[in-house]
Amino acid sequence: VNSKGIVVYGAIEWCEFTKVQAKMFGKSFKFLKYEDYSKYPPSFGAIKKTPTWVIGGKPYLGVQSIDRLSQLSGCALPN
C-alpha cells in the first residue's frame, strides 16, 4: 500500500472511528502509512473527519470498508 502513496490520517489516541478503522486491519494496520491528523496537507484544507484516507491525491472521509479501499487503491484482496 505504501508504494501507492496512500496515507490514512487519524487520531488513534482518542477517535473511535480511527480505532474502528485500525481494528478492521488488525495486525496489518502497522503496514499502512498512518499519520496523525495534524499532519494533514494544507492543500486539502482543514481535516473535517477522521480517519481521512488520501488515495491518488484525493481525500476520502470517514471509515472505509476494506472492499472500498481495495477498489480505490487497486490493491487486490487475498482470496
PDB file of N, CA and C in Angstrom:
ATOM      1  N   VAL A   1       0.828  -1.183   0.000  1.00  0.00           N
ATOM      2  CA  VAL A   1       0.000   0.000   0.000  1.00  0.00           C
ATOM      3  C   VAL A   1       0.872   1.246   0.000  1.00  0.00           C
ATOM      4  N   ASN A   2       1.942   1.246   0.783  1.00  0.00           N
ATOM      5  CA  ASN A   2       2.802   2.420   0.843  1.00  0.00           C
ATOM      6  C   ASN A   2       3.368   2.782  -0.516  1.00  0.00           C
ATOM      7  N   SER A   3       3.652   1.804  -1.355  1.00  0.00           N
ATOM      8  CA  SER A   3       4.214   2.079  -2.666  1.00  0.00           C
ATOM      9  C   SER A   3       3.218   2.819  -3.559  1.00  0.00           C
ATOM     10  N   LYS A   4       1.950   2.821  -3.208  1.00  0.00           N
ATOM     11  CA  LYS A   4       0.925   3.507  -3.992  1.00  0.00           C
ATOM     12  C   LYS A   4       0.675   4.922  -3.492  1.00  0.00           C
ATOM     13  N   GLY A   5       1.391   5.352  -2.458  1.00  0.00           N
ATOM     14  CA  GLY A   5       1.229   6.709  -1.946  1.00  0.00           C
ATOM     15  C   GLY A   5      -0.038   6.936  -1.154  1.00  0.00           C
ATOM     16  N   ILE A   6      -0.585   5.901  -0.582  1.00  0.00           N
ATOM     17  CA  ILE A   6      -1.827   6.000   0.188  1.00  0.00           C
ATOM     18  C   ILE A   6      -1.493   6.339   1.635  1.00  0.00           C
ATOM     19  N   VAL A   7      -2.213   7.308   2.181  1.00  0.00           N
ATOM     20  CA  VAL A   7      -1.996   7.722   3.567  1.00  0.00           C
ATOM     21  C   VAL A   7      -3.353   7.768   4.262  1.00  0.00           C
ATOM     22  N   VAL A   8      -3.372   7.314   5.506  1.00  0.00           N
ATOM     23  CA  VAL A   8      -4.570   7.475   6.323  1.00  0.00           C
ATOM     24  C   VAL A   8      -4.207   8.418   7.470  1.00  0.00           C
ATOM     25  N   TYR A   9      -5.021   9.476   7.599  1.00  0.00           N
ATOM     26  CA  TYR A   9      -4.840  10.452   8.665  1.00  0.00           C
ATOM     27  C   TYR A   9      -5.914  10.212   9.708  1.00  0.00           C
ATOM     28  N   GLY A  10      -5.494  10.158  10.956  1.00  0.00           N
ATOM     29  CA  GLY A  10      -6.458   9.891  12.010  1.00  0.00           C
ATOM     30  C   GLY A  10      -5.992  10.392  13.355  1.00  0.00           C
ATOM     31  N   ALA A  11      -6.714   9.972  14.376  1.00  0.00           N
ATOM     32  CA  ALA A  11      -6.424  10.337  15.760  1.00  0.00           C
ATOM     33  C   ALA A  11      -6.614   9.076  16.599  1.00  0.00           C
ATOM     34  N   ILE A  12      -5.699   8.154  16.436  1.00  0.00           N
ATOM     35  CA  ILE A  12      -5.821   6.824  17.044  1.00  0.00           C
ATOM     36  C   ILE A  12      -5.929   6.888  18.569  1.00  0.00           C
ATOM     37  N   GLU A  13      -5.403   7.956  19.156  1.00  0.00           N
ATOM     38  CA  GLU A  13      -5.408   8.067  20.618  1.00  0.00           C
ATOM     39  C   GLU A  13      -6.798   8.308  21.185  1.00  0.00           C
ATOM     40  N   TRP A  14      -7.657   9.054  20.446  1.00  0.00           N
ATOM     41  CA  TRP A  14      -8.950   9.422  21.014  1.00  0.00           C
ATOM     42  C   TRP A  14     -10.150   9.256  20.079  1.00  0.00           C
ATOM     43  N   CYS A  15      -9.926   9.064  18.794  1.00  0.00           N
ATOM     44  CA  CYS A  15     -11.044   8.982  17.846  1.00  0.00           C
ATOM     45  C   CYS A  15     -11.534   7.541  17.701  1.00  0.00           C
ATOM     46  N   GLU A  16     -12.785   7.320  18.080  1.00  0.00           N
ATOM     47  CA  GLU A  16     -13.352   5.974  17.996  1.00  0.00           C
ATOM     48  C   GLU A  16     -13.425   5.469  16.552  1.00  0.00           C
ATOM     49  N   PHE A  17     -13.638   6.367  15.598  1.00  0.00           N
ATOM     50  CA  PHE A  17     -13.731   5.964  14.200  1.00  0.00           C
ATOM     51  C   PHE A  17     -12.369   5.526  13.660  1.00  0.00           C
ATOM     52  N   THR A  18     -11.317   6.222  14.071  1.00  0.00           N
ATOM     53  CA  THR A  18      -9.972   5.810  13.673  1.00  0.00           C
ATOM     54  C   THR A  18      -9.646   4.449  14.284  1.00  0.00           C
ATOM     55  N   LYS A  19     -10.058   4.236  15.505  1.00  0.00           N
ATOM     56  CA  LYS A  19      -9.829   2.946  16.165  1.00  0.00           C
ATOM     57  C   LYS A  19     -10.581   1.823  15.450  1.00  0.00           C
ATOM     58  N   VAL A  20     -11.818   2.098  15.015  1.00  0.00           N
ATOM     59  CA  VAL A  20     -12.604   1.106  14.270  1.00  0.00           C
ATOM     60  C   VAL A  20     -11.876   0.745  12.975  1.00  0.00           C
ATOM     61  N   GLN A  21     -11.386   1.768  12.262  1.00  0.00           N
ATOM     62  CA  GLN A  21     -10.681   1.521  11.005  1.00  0.00           C
ATOM     63  C   GLN A  21      -9.435   0.680  11.259  1.00  0.00           C
ATOM     64  N   ALA A  22      -8.690   1.004  12.296  1.00  0.00           N
ATOM     65  CA  ALA A  22      -7.479   0.247  12.624  1.00  0.00           C
ATOM     66  C   ALA A  22      -7.813  -1.211  12.940  1.00  0.00           C
ATOM     67  N   LYS A  23      -8.890  -1.438  13.680  1.00  0.00           N
ATOM     68  CA  LYS A  23      -9.294  -2.808  14.031  1.00  0.00           C
ATOM     69  C   LYS A  23      -9.663  -3.620  12.795  1.00  0.00           C
ATOM     70  N   MET A  24     -10.180  -2.955  11.760  1.00  0.00           N
ATOM     71  CA  MET A  24     -10.536  -3.661  10.524  1.00  0.00           C
ATOM     72  C   MET A  24      -9.291  -4.283   9.880  1.00  0.00           C
ATOM     73  N   PHE A  25      -8.148  -3.654  10.084  1.00  0.00           N
ATOM     74  CA  PHE A  25      -6.900  -4.158   9.508  1.00  0.00           C
ATOM     75  C   PHE A  25      -6.163  -5.098  10.453  1.00  0.00           C
ATOM     76  N   GLY A  26      -6.532  -5.096  11.714  1.00  0.00           N
ATOM     77  CA  GLY A  26      -5.872  -5.967  12.684  1.00  0.00           C
ATOM     78  C   GLY A  26      -4.369  -5.701  12.739  1.00  0.00           C
ATOM     79  N   LYS A  27      -3.597  -6.771  12.775  1.00  0.00           N
ATOM     80  CA  LYS A  27      -2.136  -6.660  12.854  1.00  0.00           C
ATOM     81  C   LYS A  27      -1.530  -6.017  11.606  1.00  0.00           C
ATOM     82  N   SER A  28      -2.259  -6.016  10.509  1.00  0.00           N
ATOM     83  CA  SER A  28      -1.755  -5.431   9.261  1.00  0.00           C
ATOM     84  C   SER A  28      -1.789  -3.903   9.266  1.00  0.00           C
ATOM     85  N   PHE A  29      -2.445  -3.296  10.261  1.00  0.00           N
ATOM     86  CA  PHE A  29      -2.509  -1.842  10.323  1.00  0.00           C
ATOM     87  C   PHE A  29      -1.107  -1.232  10.337  1.00  0.00           C
ATOM     88  N   LYS A  30      -0.157  -1.927  10.925  1.00  0.00           N
ATOM     89  CA  LYS A  30       1.207  -1.396  11.010  1.00  0.00           C
ATOM     90  C   LYS A  30       1.846  -1.221   9.632  1.00  0.00           C
ATOM     91  N   PHE A  31       1.288  -1.842   8.601  1.00  0.00           N
ATOM     92  CA  PHE A  31       1.842  -1.722   7.252  1.00  0.00           C
ATOM     93  C   PHE A  31       1.281  -0.522   6.487  1.00  0.00           C
ATOM     94  N   LEU A  32       0.253   0.112   7.040  1.00  0.00           N
ATOM     95  CA  LEU A  32      -0.317   1.297   6.411  1.00  0.00           C
ATOM     96  C   LEU A  32       0.531   2.521   6.732  1.00  0.00           C
ATOM     97  N   LYS A  33       0.486   3.494   5.864  1.00  0.00           N
ATOM     98  CA  LYS A  33       1.128   4.772   6.179  1.00  0.00           C
ATOM     99  C   LYS A  33       0.093   5.577   6.943  1.00  0.00           C
ATOM    100  N   TYR A  34       0.242   5.577   8.253  1.00  0.00           N
ATOM    101  CA  TYR A  34      -0.667   6.287   9.142  1.00  0.00           C
ATOM    102  C   TYR A  34       0.020   7.566   9.611  1.00  0.00           C
ATOM    103  N   GLU A  35      -0.722   8.665   9.564  1.00  0.00           N
ATOM    104  CA  GLU A  35      -0.223   9.948  10.050  1.00  0.00           C
ATOM    105  C   GLU A  35      -1.265  10.557  10.980  1.00  0.00           C
ATOM    106  N   ASP A  36      -0.792  11.258  11.991  1.00  0.00           N
ATOM    107  CA  ASP A  36      -1.697  11.997  12.855  1.00  0.00           C
ATOM    108  C   ASP A  36      -2.423  13.051  12.025  1.00  0.00           C
ATOM    109  N   TYR A  37      -3.665  13.280  12.341  1.00  0.00           N
ATOM    110  CA  TYR A  37      -4.489  14.224  11.574  1.00  0.00           C
ATOM    111  C   TYR A  37      -3.874  15.620  11.510  1.00  0.00           C
ATOM    112  N   SER A  38      -3.047  15.975  12.488  1.00  0.00           N
ATOM    113  CA  SER A  38      -2.429  17.309  12.490  1.00  0.00           C
ATOM    114  C   SER A  38      -1.426  17.481  11.349  1.00  0.00           C
ATOM    115  N   LYS A  39      -1.037  16.383  10.702  1.00  0.00           N
ATOM    116  CA  LYS A  39      -0.099  16.437   9.583  1.00  0.00           C
ATOM    117  C   LYS A  39      -0.814  16.422   8.228  1.00  0.00           C
ATOM    118  N   TYR A  40      -2.124  16.578   8.248  1.00  0.00           N
ATOM    119  CA  TYR A  40      -2.923  16.596   7.027  1.00  0.00           C
ATOM    120  C   TYR A  40      -2.462  17.739   6.126  1.00  0.00           C
ATOM    121  N   PRO A  41      -2.243  17.473   4.836  1.00  0.00           N
ATOM    122  CA  PRO A  41      -1.696  18.502   3.940  1.00  0.00           C
ATOM    123  C   PRO A  41      -2.584  19.745   3.854  1.00  0.00           C
ATOM    124  N   PRO A  42      -1.998  20.924   4.039  1.00  0.00           N
ATOM    125  CA  PRO A  42      -2.775  22.162   3.970  1.00  0.00           C
ATOM    126  C   PRO A  42      -3.463  22.364   2.617  1.00  0.00           C
ATOM    127  N   SER A  43      -2.925  21.754   1.572  1.00  0.00           N
ATOM    128  CA  SER A  43      -3.532  21.907   0.247  1.00  0.00           C
ATOM    129  C   SER A  43      -4.942  21.318   0.183  1.00  0.00           C
ATOM    130  N   PHE A  44      -5.281  20.416   1.101  1.00  0.00           N
ATOM    131  CA  PHE A  44      -6.624  19.831   1.150  1.00  0.00           C
ATOM    132  C   PHE A  44      -7.553  20.623   2.067  1.00  0.00           C
ATOM    133  N   GLY A  45      -7.032  21.648   2.715  1.00  0.00           N
ATOM    134  CA  GLY A  45      -7.829  22.413   3.671  1.00  0.00           C
ATOM    135  C   GLY A  45      -7.808  21.738   5.025  1.00  0.00           C
ATOM    136  N   ALA A  46      -8.685  22.159   5.904  1.00  0.00           N
ATOM    137  CA  ALA A  46      -8.745  21.585   7.245  1.00  0.00           C
ATOM    138  C   ALA A  46      -9.341  20.187   7.183  1.00  0.00           C
ATOM    139  N   ILE A  47      -8.844  19.313   8.035  1.00  0.00           N
ATOM    140  CA  ILE A  47      -9.409  17.961   8.092  1.00  0.00           C
ATOM    141  C   ILE A  47     -10.793  18.056   8.736  1.00  0.00           C
ATOM    142  N   LYS A  48     -11.759  17.417   8.115  1.00  0.00           N
ATOM    143  CA  LYS A  48     -13.141  17.506   8.571  1.00  0.00           C
ATOM    144  C   LYS A  48     -13.605  16.266   9.314  1.00  0.00           C
ATOM    145  N   LYS A  49     -12.924  15.151   9.103  1.00  0.00           N
ATOM    146  CA  LYS A  49     -13.373  13.895   9.690  1.00  0.00           C
ATOM    147  C   LYS A  49     -12.185  12.941   9.775  1.00  0.00           C
ATOM    148  N   THR A  50     -12.130  12.196  10.879  1.00  0.00           N
ATOM    149  CA  THR A  50     -11.102  11.163  10.984  1.00  0.00           C
ATOM    150  C   THR A  50     -11.779   9.808  11.054  1.00  0.00           C
ATOM    151  N   PRO A  51     -11.188   8.805  10.432  1.00  0.00           N
ATOM    152  CA  PRO A  51      -9.994   8.907   9.601  1.00  0.00           C
ATOM    153  C   PRO A  51     -10.312   9.531   8.243  1.00  0.00           C
ATOM    154  N   THR A  52      -9.289  10.077   7.624  1.00  0.00           N
ATOM    155  CA  THR A  52      -9.366  10.541   6.248  1.00  0.00           C
ATOM    156  C   THR A  52      -8.272   9.836   5.472  1.00  0.00           C
ATOM    157  N   TRP A  53      -8.663   9.175   4.405  1.00  0.00           N
ATOM    158  CA  TRP A  53      -7.729   8.491   3.521  1.00  0.00           C
ATOM    159  C   TRP A  53      -7.385   9.414   2.359  1.00  0.00           C
ATOM    160  N   VAL A  54      -6.138   9.429   1.949  1.00  0.00           N
ATOM    161  CA  VAL A  54      -5.740  10.129   0.730  1.00  0.00           C
ATOM    162  C   VAL A  54      -5.235   9.061  -0.226  1.00  0.00           C
ATOM    163  N   ILE A  55      -5.966   8.903  -1.324  1.00  0.00           N
ATOM    164  CA  ILE A  55      -5.666   7.873  -2.327  1.00  0.00           C
ATOM    165  C   ILE A  55      -5.676   8.557  -3.688  1.00  0.00           C
ATOM    166  N   GLY A  56      -4.569   8.462  -4.379  1.00  0.00           N
ATOM    167  CA  GLY A  56      -4.478   9.102  -5.686  1.00  0.00           C
ATOM    168  C   GLY A  56      -4.633  10.609  -5.601  1.00  0.00           C
ATOM    169  N   GLY A  57      -4.208  11.184  -4.484  1.00  0.00           N
ATOM    170  CA  GLY A  57      -4.302  12.623  -4.305  1.00  0.00           C
ATOM    171  C   GLY A  57      -5.680  13.146  -3.945  1.00  0.00           C
ATOM    172  N   LYS A  58      -6.626  12.241  -3.712  1.00  0.00           N
ATOM    173  CA  LYS A  58      -7.998  12.639  -3.384  1.00  0.00           C
ATOM    174  C   LYS A  58      -8.364  12.160  -1.978  1.00  0.00           C
ATOM    175  N   PRO A  59      -8.938  13.041  -1.154  1.00  0.00           N
ATOM    176  CA  PRO A  59      -9.324  12.623   0.197  1.00  0.00           C
ATOM    177  C   PRO A  59     -10.657  11.871   0.225  1.00  0.00           C
ATOM    178  N   TYR A  60     -10.724  10.862   1.069  1.00  0.00           N
ATOM    179  CA  TYR A  60     -11.946  10.086   1.321  1.00  0.00           C
ATOM    180  C   TYR A  60     -12.182  10.118   2.825  1.00  0.00           C
ATOM    181  N   LEU A  61     -13.293  10.710   3.228  1.00  0.00           N
ATOM    182  CA  LEU A  61     -13.563  10.957   4.635  1.00  0.00           C
ATOM    183  C   LEU A  61     -14.255   9.784   5.305  1.00  0.00           C
ATOM    184  N   GLY A  62     -13.840   9.522   6.527  1.00  0.00           N
ATOM    185  CA  GLY A  62     -14.511   8.534   7.357  1.00  0.00           C
ATOM    186  C   GLY A  62     -14.013   7.117   7.162  1.00  0.00           C
ATOM    187  N   VAL A  63     -14.588   6.229   7.951  1.00  0.00           N
ATOM    188  CA  VAL A  63     -14.239   4.808   7.904  1.00  0.00           C
ATOM    189  C   VAL A  63     -14.625   4.262   6.530  1.00  0.00           C
ATOM    190  N   GLN A  64     -13.694   3.567   5.908  1.00  0.00           N
ATOM    191  CA  GLN A  64     -13.917   2.959   4.591  1.00  0.00           C
ATOM    192  C   GLN A  64     -13.871   1.440   4.747  1.00  0.00           C
ATOM    193  N   SER A  65     -14.708   0.747   4.028  1.00  0.00           N
ATOM    194  CA  SER A  65     -14.666  -0.717   4.072  1.00  0.00           C
ATOM    195  C   SER A  65     -13.404  -1.212   3.368  1.00  0.00           C
ATOM    196  N   ILE A  66     -12.998  -2.405   3.708  1.00  0.00           N
ATOM    197  CA  ILE A  66     -11.827  -3.000   3.064  1.00  0.00           C
ATOM    198  C   ILE A  66     -12.087  -3.151   1.564  1.00  0.00           C
ATOM    199  N   ASP A  67     -13.304  -3.545   1.194  1.00  0.00           N
ATOM    200  CA  ASP A  67     -13.654  -3.667  -0.228  1.00  0.00           C
ATOM    201  C   ASP A  67     -13.530  -2.327  -0.946  1.00  0.00           C
ATOM    202  N   ARG A  68     -14.028  -1.280  -0.323  1.00  0.00           N
ATOM    203  CA  ARG A  68     -13.965   0.063  -0.936  1.00  0.00           C
ATOM    204  C   ARG A  68     -12.513   0.515  -1.085  1.00  0.00           C
ATOM    205  N   LEU A  69     -11.699   0.283  -0.077  1.00  0.00           N
ATOM    206  CA  LEU A  69     -10.284   0.659  -0.158  1.00  0.00           C
ATOM    207  C   LEU A  69      -9.575  -0.135  -1.242  1.00  0.00           C
ATOM    208  N   SER A  70      -9.942  -1.381  -1.408  1.00  0.00           N
ATOM    209  CA  SER A  70      -9.382  -2.205  -2.479  1.00  0.00           C
ATOM    210  C   SER A  70      -9.714  -1.604  -3.832  1.00  0.00           C
ATOM    211  N   GLN A  71     -10.964  -1.216  -4.008  1.00  0.00           N
ATOM    212  CA  GLN A  71     -11.395  -0.608  -5.285  1.00  0.00           C
ATOM    213  C   GLN A  71     -10.673   0.706  -5.539  1.00  0.00           C
ATOM    214  N   LEU A  72     -10.603   1.563  -4.530  1.00  0.00           N
ATOM    215  CA  LEU A  72      -9.986   2.871  -4.694  1.00  0.00           C
ATOM    216  C   LEU A  72      -8.488   2.798  -4.965  1.00  0.00           C
ATOM    217  N   SER A  73      -7.841   1.828  -4.320  1.00  0.00           N
ATOM    218  CA  SER A  73      -6.378   1.741  -4.411  1.00  0.00           C
ATOM    219  C   SER A  73      -5.880   0.842  -5.536  1.00  0.00           C
ATOM    220  N   GLY A  74      -6.739  -0.054  -6.006  1.00  0.00           N
ATOM    221  CA  GLY A  74      -6.298  -1.027  -6.994  1.00  0.00           C
ATOM    222  C   GLY A  74      -5.537  -2.189  -6.379  1.00  0.00           C
ATOM    223  N   CYS A  75      -5.548  -2.270  -5.039  1.00  0.00           N
ATOM    224  CA  CYS A  75      -4.893  -3.371  -4.327  1.00  0.00           C
ATOM    225  C   CYS A  75      -5.884  -4.528  -4.208  1.00  0.00           C
ATOM    226  N   ALA A  76      -5.507  -5.664  -4.759  1.00  0.00           N
ATOM    227  CA  ALA A  76      -6.385  -6.832  -4.711  1.00  0.00           C
ATOM    228  C   ALA A  76      -6.450  -7.407  -3.305  1.00  0.00           C
ATOM    229  N   LEU A  77      -7.606  -7.919  -2.954  1.00  0.00           N
ATOM    230  CA  LEU A  77      -7.775  -8.595  -1.665  1.00  0.00           C
ATOM    231  C   LEU A  77      -7.315 -10.042  -1.811  1.00  0.00           C
ATOM    232  N   PRO A  78      -6.706 -10.598  -0.754  1.00  0.00           N
ATOM    233  CA  PRO A  78      -6.311 -12.004  -0.840  1.00  0.00           C
ATOM    234  C   PRO A  78      -7.534 -12.902  -0.879  1.00  0.00           C
ATOM    235  N   ASN A  79      -7.407 -14.038  -1.520  1.00  0.00           N
ATOM    236  CA  ASN A  79      -8.522 -14.985  -1.598  1.00  0.00           C
ATOM    237  C   ASN A  79      -8.694 -15.768  -0.344  1.00  0.00           C
TER     238      ASN A  79
END
